[in-house]
Amino acid sequence: MLSRKGFTLIELLIVIAIILILIAIALPNFLNAQIRARATKATAELRSIGTALEAYYLDWGVYPGENESTWSEQSANEHGLKRLTTPISYITSIPEDPFPAKLNANYDVGELRVYYGGG
């Protein structure tokens, strides 16, 4: 009598199919959890930025960049949130967008400027 040790091809295919079905069920839930986590992180960071802006306003009487005549000629890093990190640290670092744009990461825009149009 032959003693068989091992699995047949059909048994292996059935196990692989079951594993793939479980992955197909779990993957969308995992991706949704990532999106919810990023949204929660963005909400918390916006709340901390708001708190830092209010603390800055209480100390200086204006919001960062509000009274600068050359505001429209400065780059985005020269005003705004950077003022909340120096000389007094209202926030430890400027948070990054948890939903980064995935357009063309190699596109060179030169020096990005912010312009303010009064109305």
PDB file of N, CA and C in Angstrom:
ATOM      1  N   MET A   1       0.831  -1.168   0.000  1.00  0.00           N
ATOM      2  CA  MET A   1       0.000   0.000   0.000  1.00  0.00           C
ATOM      3  C   MET A   1       0.887   1.246   0.000  1.00  0.00           C
ATOM      4  N   LEU A   2       0.503   2.211  -0.809  1.00  0.00           N
ATOM      5  CA  LEU A   2       1.247   3.466  -0.935  1.00  0.00           C
ATOM      6  C   LEU A   2       0.879   4.417   0.200  1.00  0.00           C
ATOM      7  N   SER A   3       1.863   4.974   0.808  1.00  0.00           N
ATOM      8  CA  SER A   3       1.640   5.971   1.850  1.00  0.00           C
ATOM      9  C   SER A   3       1.899   7.347   1.245  1.00  0.00           C
ATOM     10  N   ARG A   4       0.863   8.175   1.204  1.00  0.00           N
ATOM     11  CA  ARG A   4       1.004   9.515   0.609  1.00  0.00           C
ATOM     12  C   ARG A   4       1.311  10.525   1.693  1.00  0.00           C
ATOM     13  N   LYS A   5       2.363  11.283   1.456  1.00  0.00           N
ATOM     14  CA  LYS A   5       2.702  12.390   2.349  1.00  0.00           C
ATOM     15  C   LYS A   5       2.721  13.642   1.503  1.00  0.00           C
ATOM     16  N   GLY A   6       1.931  14.620   1.873  1.00  0.00           N
ATOM     17  CA  GLY A   6       1.885  15.863   1.120  1.00  0.00           C
ATOM     18  C   GLY A   6       0.463  16.184   0.694  1.00  0.00           C
ATOM     19  N   PHE A   7       0.353  17.262  -0.076  1.00  0.00           N
ATOM     20  CA  PHE A   7      -0.945  17.738  -0.522  1.00  0.00           C
ATOM     21  C   PHE A   7      -1.057  17.581  -2.031  1.00  0.00           C
ATOM     22  N   THR A   8      -2.266  17.418  -2.487  1.00  0.00           N
ATOM     23  CA  THR A   8      -2.486  17.351  -3.932  1.00  0.00           C
ATOM     24  C   THR A   8      -2.555  18.764  -4.486  1.00  0.00           C
ATOM     25  N   LEU A   9      -2.477  18.873  -5.777  1.00  0.00           N
ATOM     26  CA  LEU A   9      -2.536  20.174  -6.437  1.00  0.00           C
ATOM     27  C   LEU A   9      -3.868  20.865  -6.166  1.00  0.00           C
ATOM     28  N   ILE A  10      -4.950  20.133  -6.174  1.00  0.00           N
ATOM     29  CA  ILE A  10      -6.275  20.703  -5.921  1.00  0.00           C
ATOM     30  C   ILE A  10      -6.345  21.276  -4.509  1.00  0.00           C
ATOM     31  N   GLU A  11      -5.820  20.575  -3.541  1.00  0.00           N
ATOM     32  CA  GLU A  11      -5.833  21.066  -2.163  1.00  0.00           C
ATOM     33  C   GLU A  11      -5.032  22.360  -2.035  1.00  0.00           C
ATOM     34  N   LEU A  12      -3.894  22.426  -2.676  1.00  0.00           N
ATOM     35  CA  LEU A  12      -3.092  23.657  -2.641  1.00  0.00           C
ATOM     36  C   LEU A  12      -3.815  24.810  -3.321  1.00  0.00           C
ATOM     37  N   LEU A  13      -4.463  24.556  -4.451  1.00  0.00           N
ATOM     38  CA  LEU A  13      -5.205  25.615  -5.152  1.00  0.00           C
ATOM     39  C   LEU A  13      -6.371  26.119  -4.309  1.00  0.00           C
ATOM     40  N   ILE A  14      -7.034  25.231  -3.601  1.00  0.00           N
ATOM     41  CA  ILE A  14      -8.151  25.644  -2.746  1.00  0.00           C
ATOM     42  C   ILE A  14      -7.647  26.529  -1.604  1.00  0.00           C
ATOM     43  N   VAL A  15      -6.544  26.154  -0.986  1.00  0.00           N
ATOM     44  CA  VAL A  15      -5.976  26.966   0.099  1.00  0.00           C
ATOM     45  C   VAL A  15      -5.552  28.334  -0.422  1.00  0.00           C
ATOM     46  N   ILE A  16      -4.910  28.379  -1.582  1.00  0.00           N
ATOM     47  CA  ILE A  16      -4.500  29.661  -2.177  1.00  0.00           C
ATOM     48  C   ILE A  16      -5.717  30.513  -2.502  1.00  0.00           C
ATOM     49  N   ALA A  17      -6.777  29.906  -3.023  1.00  0.00           N
ATOM     50  CA  ALA A  17      -7.998  30.652  -3.340  1.00  0.00           C
ATOM     51  C   ALA A  17      -8.621  31.236  -2.078  1.00  0.00           C
ATOM     52  N   ILE A  18      -8.637  30.477  -0.999  1.00  0.00           N
ATOM     53  CA  ILE A  18      -9.196  30.975   0.266  1.00  0.00           C
ATOM     54  C   ILE A  18      -8.371  32.145   0.789  1.00  0.00           C
ATOM     55  N   ILE A  19      -7.058  32.040   0.715  1.00  0.00           N
ATOM     56  CA  ILE A  19      -6.190  33.135   1.164  1.00  0.00           C
ATOM     57  C   ILE A  19      -6.423  34.384   0.323  1.00  0.00           C
ATOM     58  N   LEU A  20      -6.548  34.231  -0.984  1.00  0.00           N
ATOM     59  CA  LEU A  20      -6.794  35.388  -1.857  1.00  0.00           C
ATOM     60  C   LEU A  20      -8.147  36.032  -1.569  1.00  0.00           C
ATOM     61  N   ILE A  21      -9.150  35.229  -1.275  1.00  0.00           N
ATOM     62  CA  ILE A  21     -10.470  35.781  -0.935  1.00  0.00           C
ATOM     63  C   ILE A  21     -10.389  36.583   0.362  1.00  0.00           C
ATOM     64  N   LEU A  22      -9.683  36.057   1.352  1.00  0.00           N
ATOM     65  CA  LEU A  22      -9.524  36.790   2.617  1.00  0.00           C
ATOM     66  C   LEU A  22      -8.767  38.099   2.416  1.00  0.00           C
ATOM     67  N   ILE A  23      -7.749  38.089   1.568  1.00  0.00           N
ATOM     68  CA  ILE A  23      -7.010  39.323   1.265  1.00  0.00           C
ATOM     69  C   ILE A  23      -7.915  40.322   0.561  1.00  0.00           C
ATOM     70  N   ALA A  24      -8.733  39.845  -0.375  1.00  0.00           N
ATOM     71  CA  ALA A  24      -9.641  40.739  -1.101  1.00  0.00           C
ATOM     72  C   ALA A  24     -10.665  41.370  -0.165  1.00  0.00           C
ATOM     73  N   ILE A  25     -11.040  40.665   0.876  1.00  0.00           N
ATOM     74  CA  ILE A  25     -11.990  41.218   1.846  1.00  0.00           C
ATOM     75  C   ILE A  25     -11.298  42.217   2.772  1.00  0.00           C
ATOM     76  N   ALA A  26     -10.077  41.915   3.200  1.00  0.00           N
ATOM     77  CA  ALA A  26      -9.389  42.739   4.196  1.00  0.00           C
ATOM     78  C   ALA A  26      -8.746  43.990   3.613  1.00  0.00           C
ATOM     79  N   LEU A  27      -8.296  43.958   2.368  1.00  0.00           N
ATOM     80  CA  LEU A  27      -7.552  45.078   1.790  1.00  0.00           C
ATOM     81  C   LEU A  27      -8.345  46.387   1.748  1.00  0.00           C
ATOM     82  N   PRO A  28      -9.598  46.401   1.274  1.00  0.00           N
ATOM     83  CA  PRO A  28     -10.335  47.679   1.287  1.00  0.00           C
ATOM     84  C   PRO A  28     -10.516  48.250   2.690  1.00  0.00           C
ATOM     85  N   ASN A  29     -10.728  47.380   3.673  1.00  0.00           N
ATOM     86  CA  ASN A  29     -10.859  47.863   5.050  1.00  0.00           C
ATOM     87  C   ASN A  29      -9.564  48.478   5.538  1.00  0.00           C
ATOM     88  N   PHE A  30      -8.455  47.897   5.166  1.00  0.00           N
ATOM     89  CA  PHE A  30      -7.153  48.437   5.544  1.00  0.00           C
ATOM     90  C   PHE A  30      -6.928  49.801   4.901  1.00  0.00           C
ATOM     91  N   LEU A  31      -7.270  49.940   3.615  1.00  0.00           N
ATOM     92  CA  LEU A  31      -7.082  51.220   2.928  1.00  0.00           C
ATOM     93  C   LEU A  31      -7.985  52.300   3.520  1.00  0.00           C
ATOM     94  N   ASN A  32      -9.218  51.941   3.869  1.00  0.00           N
ATOM     95  CA  ASN A  32     -10.114  52.910   4.507  1.00  0.00           C
ATOM     96  C   ASN A  32      -9.585  53.329   5.871  1.00  0.00           C
ATOM     97  N   ALA A  33      -8.984  52.408   6.588  1.00  0.00           N
ATOM     98  CA  ALA A  33      -8.410  52.749   7.894  1.00  0.00           C
ATOM     99  C   ALA A  33      -7.254  53.727   7.729  1.00  0.00           C
ATOM    100  N   GLN A  34      -6.455  53.566   6.677  1.00  0.00           N
ATOM    101  CA  GLN A  34      -5.364  54.507   6.418  1.00  0.00           C
ATOM    102  C   GLN A  34      -5.908  55.901   6.129  1.00  0.00           C
ATOM    103  N   ILE A  35      -6.955  55.987   5.333  1.00  0.00           N
ATOM    104  CA  ILE A  35      -7.541  57.292   5.003  1.00  0.00           C
ATOM    105  C   ILE A  35      -8.118  57.945   6.255  1.00  0.00           C
ATOM    106  N   ARG A  36      -8.807  57.170   7.077  1.00  0.00           N
ATOM    107  CA  ARG A  36      -9.355  57.727   8.325  1.00  0.00           C
ATOM    108  C   ARG A  36      -8.241  58.203   9.249  1.00  0.00           C
ATOM    109  N   ALA A  37      -7.144  57.457   9.303  1.00  0.00           N
ATOM    110  CA  ALA A  37      -6.018  57.863  10.150  1.00  0.00           C
ATOM    111  C   ALA A  37      -5.392  59.157   9.642  1.00  0.00           C
ATOM    112  N   ARG A  38      -5.258  59.295   8.331  1.00  0.00           N
ATOM    113  CA  ARG A  38      -4.704  60.532   7.770  1.00  0.00           C
ATOM    114  C   ARG A  38      -5.632  61.712   8.026  1.00  0.00           C
ATOM    115  N   ALA A  39      -6.936  61.493   7.904  1.00  0.00           N
ATOM    116  CA  ALA A  39      -7.891  62.571   8.164  1.00  0.00           C
ATOM    117  C   ALA A  39      -7.842  62.994   9.630  1.00  0.00           C
ATOM    118  N   THR A  40      -7.717  62.037  10.531  1.00  0.00           N
ATOM    119  CA  THR A  40      -7.601  62.352  11.955  1.00  0.00           C
ATOM    120  C   THR A  40      -6.322  63.125  12.233  1.00  0.00           C
ATOM    121  N   LYS A  41      -5.232  62.727  11.589  1.00  0.00           N
ATOM    122  CA  LYS A  41      -3.957  63.431  11.761  1.00  0.00           C
ATOM    123  C   LYS A  41      -4.071  64.865  11.254  1.00  0.00           C
ATOM    124  N   ALA A  42      -4.703  65.052  10.091  1.00  0.00           N
ATOM    125  CA  ALA A  42      -4.865  66.398   9.542  1.00  0.00           C
ATOM    126  C   ALA A  42      -5.712  67.264  10.469  1.00  0.00           C
ATOM    127  N   THR A  43      -6.771  66.697  11.020  1.00  0.00           N
ATOM    128  CA  THR A  43      -7.622  67.444  11.946  1.00  0.00           C
ATOM    129  C   THR A  43      -6.844  67.871  13.184  1.00  0.00           C
ATOM    130  N   ALA A  44      -6.058  66.968  13.739  1.00  0.00           N
ATOM    131  CA  ALA A  44      -5.269  67.290  14.929  1.00  0.00           C
ATOM    132  C   ALA A  44      -4.223  68.356  14.626  1.00  0.00           C
ATOM    133  N   GLU A  45      -3.575  68.259  13.459  1.00  0.00           N
ATOM    134  CA  GLU A  45      -2.562  69.256  13.109  1.00  0.00           C
ATOM    135  C   GLU A  45      -3.185  70.625  12.862  1.00  0.00           C
ATOM    136  N   LEU A  46      -4.349  70.661  12.223  1.00  0.00           N
ATOM    137  CA  LEU A  46      -5.026  71.947  12.020  1.00  0.00           C
ATOM    138  C   LEU A  46      -5.447  72.563  13.348  1.00  0.00           C
ATOM    139  N   ARG A  47      -5.875  71.716  14.280  1.00  0.00           N
ATOM    140  CA  ARG A  47      -6.244  72.220  15.606  1.00  0.00           C
ATOM    141  C   ARG A  47      -5.022  72.807  16.309  1.00  0.00           C
ATOM    142  N   SER A  48      -3.864  72.141  16.196  1.00  0.00           N
ATOM    143  CA  SER A  48      -2.657  72.664  16.849  1.00  0.00           C
ATOM    144  C   SER A  48      -2.173  73.941  16.166  1.00  0.00           C
ATOM    145  N   ILE A  49      -2.334  74.037  14.843  1.00  0.00           N
ATOM    146  CA  ILE A  49      -1.973  75.278  14.141  1.00  0.00           C
ATOM    147  C   ILE A  49      -2.881  76.413  14.595  1.00  0.00           C
ATOM    148  N   GLY A  50      -4.172  76.130  14.735  1.00  0.00           N
ATOM    149  CA  GLY A  50      -5.106  77.149  15.209  1.00  0.00           C
ATOM    150  C   GLY A  50      -4.771  77.632  16.606  1.00  0.00           C
ATOM    151  N   THR A  51      -4.414  76.706  17.479  1.00  0.00           N
ATOM    152  CA  THR A  51      -4.015  77.071  18.839  1.00  0.00           C
ATOM    153  C   THR A  51      -2.743  77.907  18.821  1.00  0.00           C
ATOM    154  N   ALA A  52      -1.779  77.521  17.980  1.00  0.00           N
ATOM    155  CA  ALA A  52      -0.526  78.275  17.877  1.00  0.00           C
ATOM    156  C   ALA A  52      -0.775  79.675  17.319  1.00  0.00           C
ATOM    157  N   LEU A  53      -1.669  79.797  16.336  1.00  0.00           N
ATOM    158  CA  LEU A  53      -1.989  81.117  15.781  1.00  0.00           C
ATOM    159  C   LEU A  53      -2.627  82.015  16.833  1.00  0.00           C
ATOM    160  N   GLU A  54      -3.513  81.456  17.632  1.00  0.00           N
ATOM    161  CA  GLU A  54      -4.150  82.250  18.679  1.00  0.00           C
ATOM    162  C   GLU A  54      -3.143  82.663  19.749  1.00  0.00           C
ATOM    163  N   ALA A  55      -2.224  81.772  20.101  1.00  0.00           N
ATOM    164  CA  ALA A  55      -1.184  82.126  21.076  1.00  0.00           C
ATOM    165  C   ALA A  55      -0.277  83.218  20.515  1.00  0.00           C
ATOM    166  N   TYR A  56       0.067  83.130  19.236  1.00  0.00           N
ATOM    167  CA  TYR A  56       0.881  84.155  18.584  1.00  0.00           C
ATOM    168  C   TYR A  56       0.141  85.494  18.611  1.00  0.00           C
ATOM    169  N   TYR A  57      -1.150  85.460  18.308  1.00  0.00           N
ATOM    170  CA  TYR A  57      -1.952  86.684  18.308  1.00  0.00           C
ATOM    171  C   TYR A  57      -2.010  87.299  19.707  1.00  0.00           C
ATOM    172  N   LEU A  58      -2.144  86.472  20.736  1.00  0.00           N
ATOM    173  CA  LEU A  58      -2.180  86.996  22.104  1.00  0.00           C
ATOM    174  C   LEU A  58      -0.856  87.645  22.494  1.00  0.00           C
ATOM    175  N   ASP A  59       0.261  87.095  22.005  1.00  0.00           N
ATOM    176  CA  ASP A  59       1.573  87.660  22.333  1.00  0.00           C
ATOM    177  C   ASP A  59       1.890  88.912  21.529  1.00  0.00           C
ATOM    178  N   TRP A  60       1.549  88.937  20.251  1.00  0.00           N
ATOM    179  CA  TRP A  60       1.992  90.009  19.358  1.00  0.00           C
ATOM    180  C   TRP A  60       0.878  90.964  18.914  1.00  0.00           C
ATOM    181  N   GLY A  61      -0.374  90.592  19.112  1.00  0.00           N
ATOM    182  CA  GLY A  61      -1.481  91.464  18.729  1.00  0.00           C
ATOM    183  C   GLY A  61      -1.845  91.400  17.255  1.00  0.00           C
ATOM    184  N   VAL A  62      -1.136  90.637  16.476  1.00  0.00           N
ATOM    185  CA  VAL A  62      -1.433  90.438  15.050  1.00  0.00           C
ATOM    186  C   VAL A  62      -1.161  88.974  14.719  1.00  0.00           C
ATOM    187  N   TYR A  63      -1.716  88.549  13.607  1.00  0.00           N
ATOM    188  CA  TYR A  63      -1.411  87.204  13.120  1.00  0.00           C
ATOM    189  C   TYR A  63      -0.130  87.245  12.297  1.00  0.00           C
ATOM    190  N   PRO A  64       0.573  86.143  12.152  1.00  0.00           N
ATOM    191  CA  PRO A  64       1.841  86.142  11.413  1.00  0.00           C
ATOM    192  C   PRO A  64       1.668  86.655   9.985  1.00  0.00           C
ATOM    193  N   GLY A  65       2.514  87.617   9.617  1.00  0.00           N
ATOM    194  CA  GLY A  65       2.490  88.148   8.259  1.00  0.00           C
ATOM    195  C   GLY A  65       1.415  89.172   7.984  1.00  0.00           C
ATOM    196  N   GLU A  66       0.619  89.528   8.984  1.00  0.00           N
ATOM    197  CA  GLU A  66      -0.524  90.413   8.765  1.00  0.00           C
ATOM    198  C   GLU A  66      -0.117  91.848   8.457  1.00  0.00           C
ATOM    199  N   ASN A  67       0.918  92.360   9.112  1.00  0.00           N
ATOM    200  CA  ASN A  67       1.299  93.759   8.942  1.00  0.00           C
ATOM    201  C   ASN A  67       2.501  93.963   8.032  1.00  0.00           C
ATOM    202  N   GLU A  68       2.881  92.971   7.274  1.00  0.00           N
ATOM    203  CA  GLU A  68       4.055  93.105   6.429  1.00  0.00           C
ATOM    204  C   GLU A  68       3.668  93.656   5.068  1.00  0.00           C
ATOM    205  N   SER A  69       4.336  94.738   4.671  1.00  0.00           N
ATOM    206  CA  SER A  69       4.007  95.361   3.388  1.00  0.00           C
ATOM    207  C   SER A  69       4.520  94.540   2.217  1.00  0.00           C
ATOM    208  N   THR A  70       5.559  93.739   2.439  1.00  0.00           N
ATOM    209  CA  THR A  70       6.123  92.938   1.353  1.00  0.00           C
ATOM    210  C   THR A  70       5.598  91.511   1.374  1.00  0.00           C
ATOM    211  N   TRP A  71       4.465  91.294   2.004  1.00  0.00           N
ATOM    212  CA  TRP A  71       3.929  89.951   2.165  1.00  0.00           C
ATOM    213  C   TRP A  71       3.739  89.263   0.830  1.00  0.00           C
ATOM    214  N   SER A  72       3.247  89.978  -0.166  1.00  0.00           N
ATOM    215  CA  SER A  72       2.957  89.346  -1.452  1.00  0.00           C
ATOM    216  C   SER A  72       4.218  88.990  -2.219  1.00  0.00           C
ATOM    217  N   GLU A  73       5.368  89.548  -1.819  1.00  0.00           N
ATOM    218  CA  GLU A  73       6.600  89.267  -2.535  1.00  0.00           C
ATOM    219  C   GLU A  73       7.444  88.194  -1.859  1.00  0.00           C
ATOM    220  N   GLN A  74       7.001  87.687  -0.741  1.00  0.00           N
ATOM    221  CA  GLN A  74       7.782  86.692  -0.019  1.00  0.00           C
ATOM    222  C   GLN A  74       7.399  85.290  -0.476  1.00  0.00           C
ATOM    223  N   SER A  75       8.368  84.384  -0.381  1.00  0.00           N
ATOM    224  CA  SER A  75       8.045  82.998  -0.698  1.00  0.00           C
ATOM    225  C   SER A  75       7.225  82.407   0.441  1.00  0.00           C
ATOM    226  N   ALA A  76       6.615  81.279   0.180  1.00  0.00           N
ATOM    227  CA  ALA A  76       5.716  80.669   1.159  1.00  0.00           C
ATOM    228  C   ALA A  76       6.429  80.314   2.457  1.00  0.00           C
ATOM    229  N   ASN A  77       7.722  80.026   2.429  1.00  0.00           N
ATOM    230  CA  ASN A  77       8.445  79.652   3.639  1.00  0.00           C
ATOM    231  C   ASN A  77       8.910  80.847   4.450  1.00  0.00           C
ATOM    232  N   GLU A  78       8.809  82.057   3.920  1.00  0.00           N
ATOM    233  CA  GLU A  78       9.314  83.234   4.620  1.00  0.00           C
ATOM    234  C   GLU A  78       8.279  83.877   5.529  1.00  0.00           C
ATOM    235  N   HIS A  79       7.070  83.441   5.479  1.00  0.00           N
ATOM    236  CA  HIS A  79       6.043  84.019   6.340  1.00  0.00           C
ATOM    237  C   HIS A  79       5.064  82.929   6.752  1.00  0.00           C
ATOM    238  N   GLY A  80       4.047  83.312   7.462  1.00  0.00           N
ATOM    239  CA  GLY A  80       3.015  82.355   7.829  1.00  0.00           C
ATOM    240  C   GLY A  80       3.461  81.400   8.910  1.00  0.00           C
ATOM    241  N   LEU A  81       3.408  80.118   8.620  1.00  0.00           N
ATOM    242  CA  LEU A  81       3.660  79.113   9.650  1.00  0.00           C
ATOM    243  C   LEU A  81       5.086  79.112  10.165  1.00  0.00           C
ATOM    244  N   LYS A  82       6.044  79.545   9.353  1.00  0.00           N
ATOM    245  CA  LYS A  82       7.432  79.565   9.827  1.00  0.00           C
ATOM    246  C   LYS A  82       7.576  80.510  11.014  1.00  0.00           C
ATOM    247  N   ARG A  83       6.763  81.553  11.058  1.00  0.00           N
ATOM    248  CA  ARG A  83       6.804  82.493  12.189  1.00  0.00           C
ATOM    249  C   ARG A  83       6.362  81.837  13.492  1.00  0.00           C
ATOM    250  N   LEU A  84       5.639  80.734  13.383  1.00  0.00           N
ATOM    251  CA  LEU A  84       5.179  80.049  14.589  1.00  0.00           C
ATOM    252  C   LEU A  84       6.260  79.158  15.197  1.00  0.00           C
ATOM    253  N   THR A  85       7.370  78.972  14.488  1.00  0.00           N
ATOM    254  CA  THR A  85       8.443  78.119  15.009  1.00  0.00           C
ATOM    255  C   THR A  85       9.623  78.915  15.540  1.00  0.00           C
ATOM    256  N   THR A  86       9.794  80.166  15.091  1.00  0.00           N
ATOM    257  CA  THR A  86      10.905  80.997  15.559  1.00  0.00           C
ATOM    258  C   THR A  86      10.417  82.421  15.764  1.00  0.00           C
ATOM    259  N   PRO A  87      10.922  83.240  16.616  1.00  0.00           N
ATOM    260  CA  PRO A  87      11.898  82.969  17.665  1.00  0.00           C
ATOM    261  C   PRO A  87      11.289  82.220  18.845  1.00  0.00           C
ATOM    262  N   ILE A  88       9.976  82.339  19.022  1.00  0.00           N
ATOM    263  CA  ILE A  88       9.290  81.605  20.084  1.00  0.00           C
ATOM    264  C   ILE A  88       8.605  80.416  19.428  1.00  0.00           C
ATOM    265  N   SER A  89       8.772  79.256  20.000  1.00  0.00           N
ATOM    266  CA  SER A  89       8.232  78.040  19.390  1.00  0.00           C
ATOM    267  C   SER A  89       6.788  77.821  19.836  1.00  0.00           C
ATOM    268  N   TYR A  90       5.846  78.255  19.002  1.00  0.00           N
ATOM    269  CA  TYR A  90       4.432  77.997  19.266  1.00  0.00           C
ATOM    270  C   TYR A  90       4.066  76.585  18.822  1.00  0.00           C
ATOM    271  N   ILE A  91       4.710  76.115  17.758  1.00  0.00           N
ATOM    272  CA  ILE A  91       4.623  74.718  17.333  1.00  0.00           C
ATOM    273  C   ILE A  91       6.047  74.236  17.079  1.00  0.00           C
ATOM    274  N   THR A  92       6.291  72.952  17.278  1.00  0.00           N
ATOM    275  CA  THR A  92       7.659  72.445  17.159  1.00  0.00           C
ATOM    276  C   THR A  92       8.129  72.379  15.715  1.00  0.00           C
ATOM    277  N   SER A  93       7.239  72.047  14.802  1.00  0.00           N
ATOM    278  CA  SER A  93       7.608  71.985  13.387  1.00  0.00           C
ATOM    279  C   SER A  93       6.367  72.227  12.543  1.00  0.00           C
ATOM    280  N   ILE A  94       6.591  72.629  11.312  1.00  0.00           N
ATOM    281  CA  ILE A  94       5.484  72.857  10.395  1.00  0.00           C
ATOM    282  C   ILE A  94       5.011  71.501   9.885  1.00  0.00           C
ATOM    283  N   PRO A  95       3.743  71.160  10.117  1.00  0.00           N
ATOM    284  CA  PRO A  95       3.264  69.844   9.691  1.00  0.00           C
ATOM    285  C   PRO A  95       3.182  69.739   8.169  1.00  0.00           C
ATOM    286  N   GLU A  96       3.344  68.513   7.688  1.00  0.00           N
ATOM    287  CA  GLU A  96       3.231  68.254   6.262  1.00  0.00           C
ATOM    288  C   GLU A  96       1.841  67.716   5.955  1.00  0.00           C
ATOM    289  N   ASP A  97       1.420  67.908   4.722  1.00  0.00           N
ATOM    290  CA  ASP A  97       0.119  67.439   4.277  1.00  0.00           C
ATOM    291  C   ASP A  97       0.078  65.911   4.304  1.00  0.00           C
ATOM    292  N   PRO A  98      -0.860  65.313   5.065  1.00  0.00           N
ATOM    293  CA  PRO A  98      -0.936  63.857   5.074  1.00  0.00           C
ATOM    294  C   PRO A  98      -1.526  63.286   3.787  1.00  0.00           C
ATOM    295  N   PHE A  99      -2.090  64.143   2.942  1.00  0.00           N
ATOM    296  CA  PHE A  99      -2.624  63.729   1.644  1.00  0.00           C
ATOM    297  C   PHE A  99      -1.829  64.412   0.542  1.00  0.00           C
ATOM    298  N   PRO A 100      -0.569  64.027   0.345  1.00  0.00           N
ATOM    299  CA  PRO A 100       0.246  64.723  -0.658  1.00  0.00           C
ATOM    300  C   PRO A 100      -0.280  64.487  -2.067  1.00  0.00           C
ATOM    301  N   ALA A 101      -0.173  65.528  -2.891  1.00  0.00           N
ATOM    302  CA  ALA A 101      -0.599  65.410  -4.285  1.00  0.00           C
ATOM    303  C   ALA A 101       0.382  64.522  -5.026  1.00  0.00           C
ATOM    304  N   LYS A 102      -0.131  63.604  -5.789  1.00  0.00           N
ATOM    305  CA  LYS A 102       0.725  62.682  -6.529  1.00  0.00           C
ATOM    306  C   LYS A 102       0.694  63.043  -8.009  1.00  0.00           C
ATOM    307  N   LEU A 103       1.029  64.282  -8.301  1.00  0.00           N
ATOM    308  CA  LEU A 103       1.026  64.708  -9.692  1.00  0.00           C
ATOM    309  C   LEU A 103       2.361  64.364 -10.320  1.00  0.00           C
ATOM    310  N   ASN A 104       3.181  65.337 -10.554  1.00  0.00           N
ATOM    311  CA  ASN A 104       4.494  65.104 -11.142  1.00  0.00           C
ATOM    312  C   ASN A 104       5.531  65.587 -10.151  1.00  0.00           C
ATOM    313  N   ALA A 105       6.130  64.675  -9.427  1.00  0.00           N
ATOM    314  CA  ALA A 105       7.063  65.045  -8.368  1.00  0.00           C
ATOM    315  C   ALA A 105       8.350  65.652  -8.910  1.00  0.00           C
ATOM    316  N   ASN A 106       8.657  65.459 -10.168  1.00  0.00           N
ATOM    317  CA  ASN A 106       9.899  65.967 -10.742  1.00  0.00           C
ATOM    318  C   ASN A 106       9.711  67.299 -11.468  1.00  0.00           C
ATOM    319  N   TYR A 107       8.546  67.884 -11.374  1.00  0.00           N
ATOM    320  CA  TYR A 107       8.263  69.127 -12.080  1.00  0.00           C
ATOM    321  C   TYR A 107       8.928  70.285 -11.357  1.00  0.00           C
ATOM    322  N   ASP A 108       9.728  71.049 -12.048  1.00  0.00           N
ATOM    323  CA  ASP A 108      10.460  72.165 -11.454  1.00  0.00           C
ATOM    324  C   ASP A 108       9.650  73.443 -11.635  1.00  0.00           C
ATOM    325  N   VAL A 109       9.237  74.060 -10.520  1.00  0.00           N
ATOM    326  CA  VAL A 109       8.465  75.295 -10.590  1.00  0.00           C
ATOM    327  C   VAL A 109       9.314  76.510 -10.269  1.00  0.00           C
ATOM    328  N   GLY A 110      10.604  76.307 -10.094  1.00  0.00           N
ATOM    329  CA  GLY A 110      11.457  77.438  -9.739  1.00  0.00           C
ATOM    330  C   GLY A 110      11.176  77.847  -8.311  1.00  0.00           C
ATOM    331  N   GLU A 111      11.031  79.135  -8.085  1.00  0.00           N
ATOM    332  CA  GLU A 111      10.730  79.617  -6.742  1.00  0.00           C
ATOM    333  C   GLU A 111       9.252  79.957  -6.670  1.00  0.00           C
ATOM    334  N   LEU A 112       8.555  79.266  -5.819  1.00  0.00           N
ATOM    335  CA  LEU A 112       7.125  79.462  -5.656  1.00  0.00           C
ATOM    336  C   LEU A 112       6.876  80.741  -4.870  1.00  0.00           C
ATOM    337  N   ARG A 113       6.027  81.581  -5.377  1.00  0.00           N
ATOM    338  CA  ARG A 113       5.677  82.830  -4.703  1.00  0.00           C
ATOM    339  C   ARG A 113       4.196  82.828  -4.362  1.00  0.00           C
ATOM    340  N   VAL A 114       3.865  83.522  -3.302  1.00  0.00           N
ATOM    341  CA  VAL A 114       2.485  83.676  -2.888  1.00  0.00           C
ATOM    342  C   VAL A 114       2.080  85.108  -3.172  1.00  0.00           C
ATOM    343  N   TYR A 115       0.957  85.292  -3.836  1.00  0.00           N
ATOM    344  CA  TYR A 115       0.486  86.638  -4.158  1.00  0.00           C
ATOM    345  C   TYR A 115      -0.862  86.859  -3.496  1.00  0.00           C
ATOM    346  N   TYR A 116      -1.019  88.046  -2.980  1.00  0.00           N
ATOM    347  CA  TYR A 116      -2.251  88.400  -2.310  1.00  0.00           C
ATOM    348  C   TYR A 116      -2.945  89.468  -3.138  1.00  0.00           C
ATOM    349  N   GLY A 117      -4.162  89.186  -3.535  1.00  0.00           N
ATOM    350  CA  GLY A 117      -4.925  90.167  -4.303  1.00  0.00           C
ATOM    351  C   GLY A 117      -5.950  90.837  -3.413  1.00  0.00           C
ATOM    352  N   GLY A 118      -5.748  92.100  -3.133  1.00  0.00           N
ATOM    353  CA  GLY A 118      -6.691  92.831  -2.292  1.00  0.00           C
ATOM    354  C   GLY A 118      -7.948  93.165  -3.077  1.00  0.00           C
ATOM    355  N   GLY A 119      -9.019  93.325  -2.359  1.00  0.00           N
ATOM    356  CA  GLY A 119     -10.249  93.555  -3.084  1.00  0.00           C
ATOM    357  C   GLY A 119     -11.049  94.693  -2.597  1.00  0.00           C
TER     358      GLY A 119
END
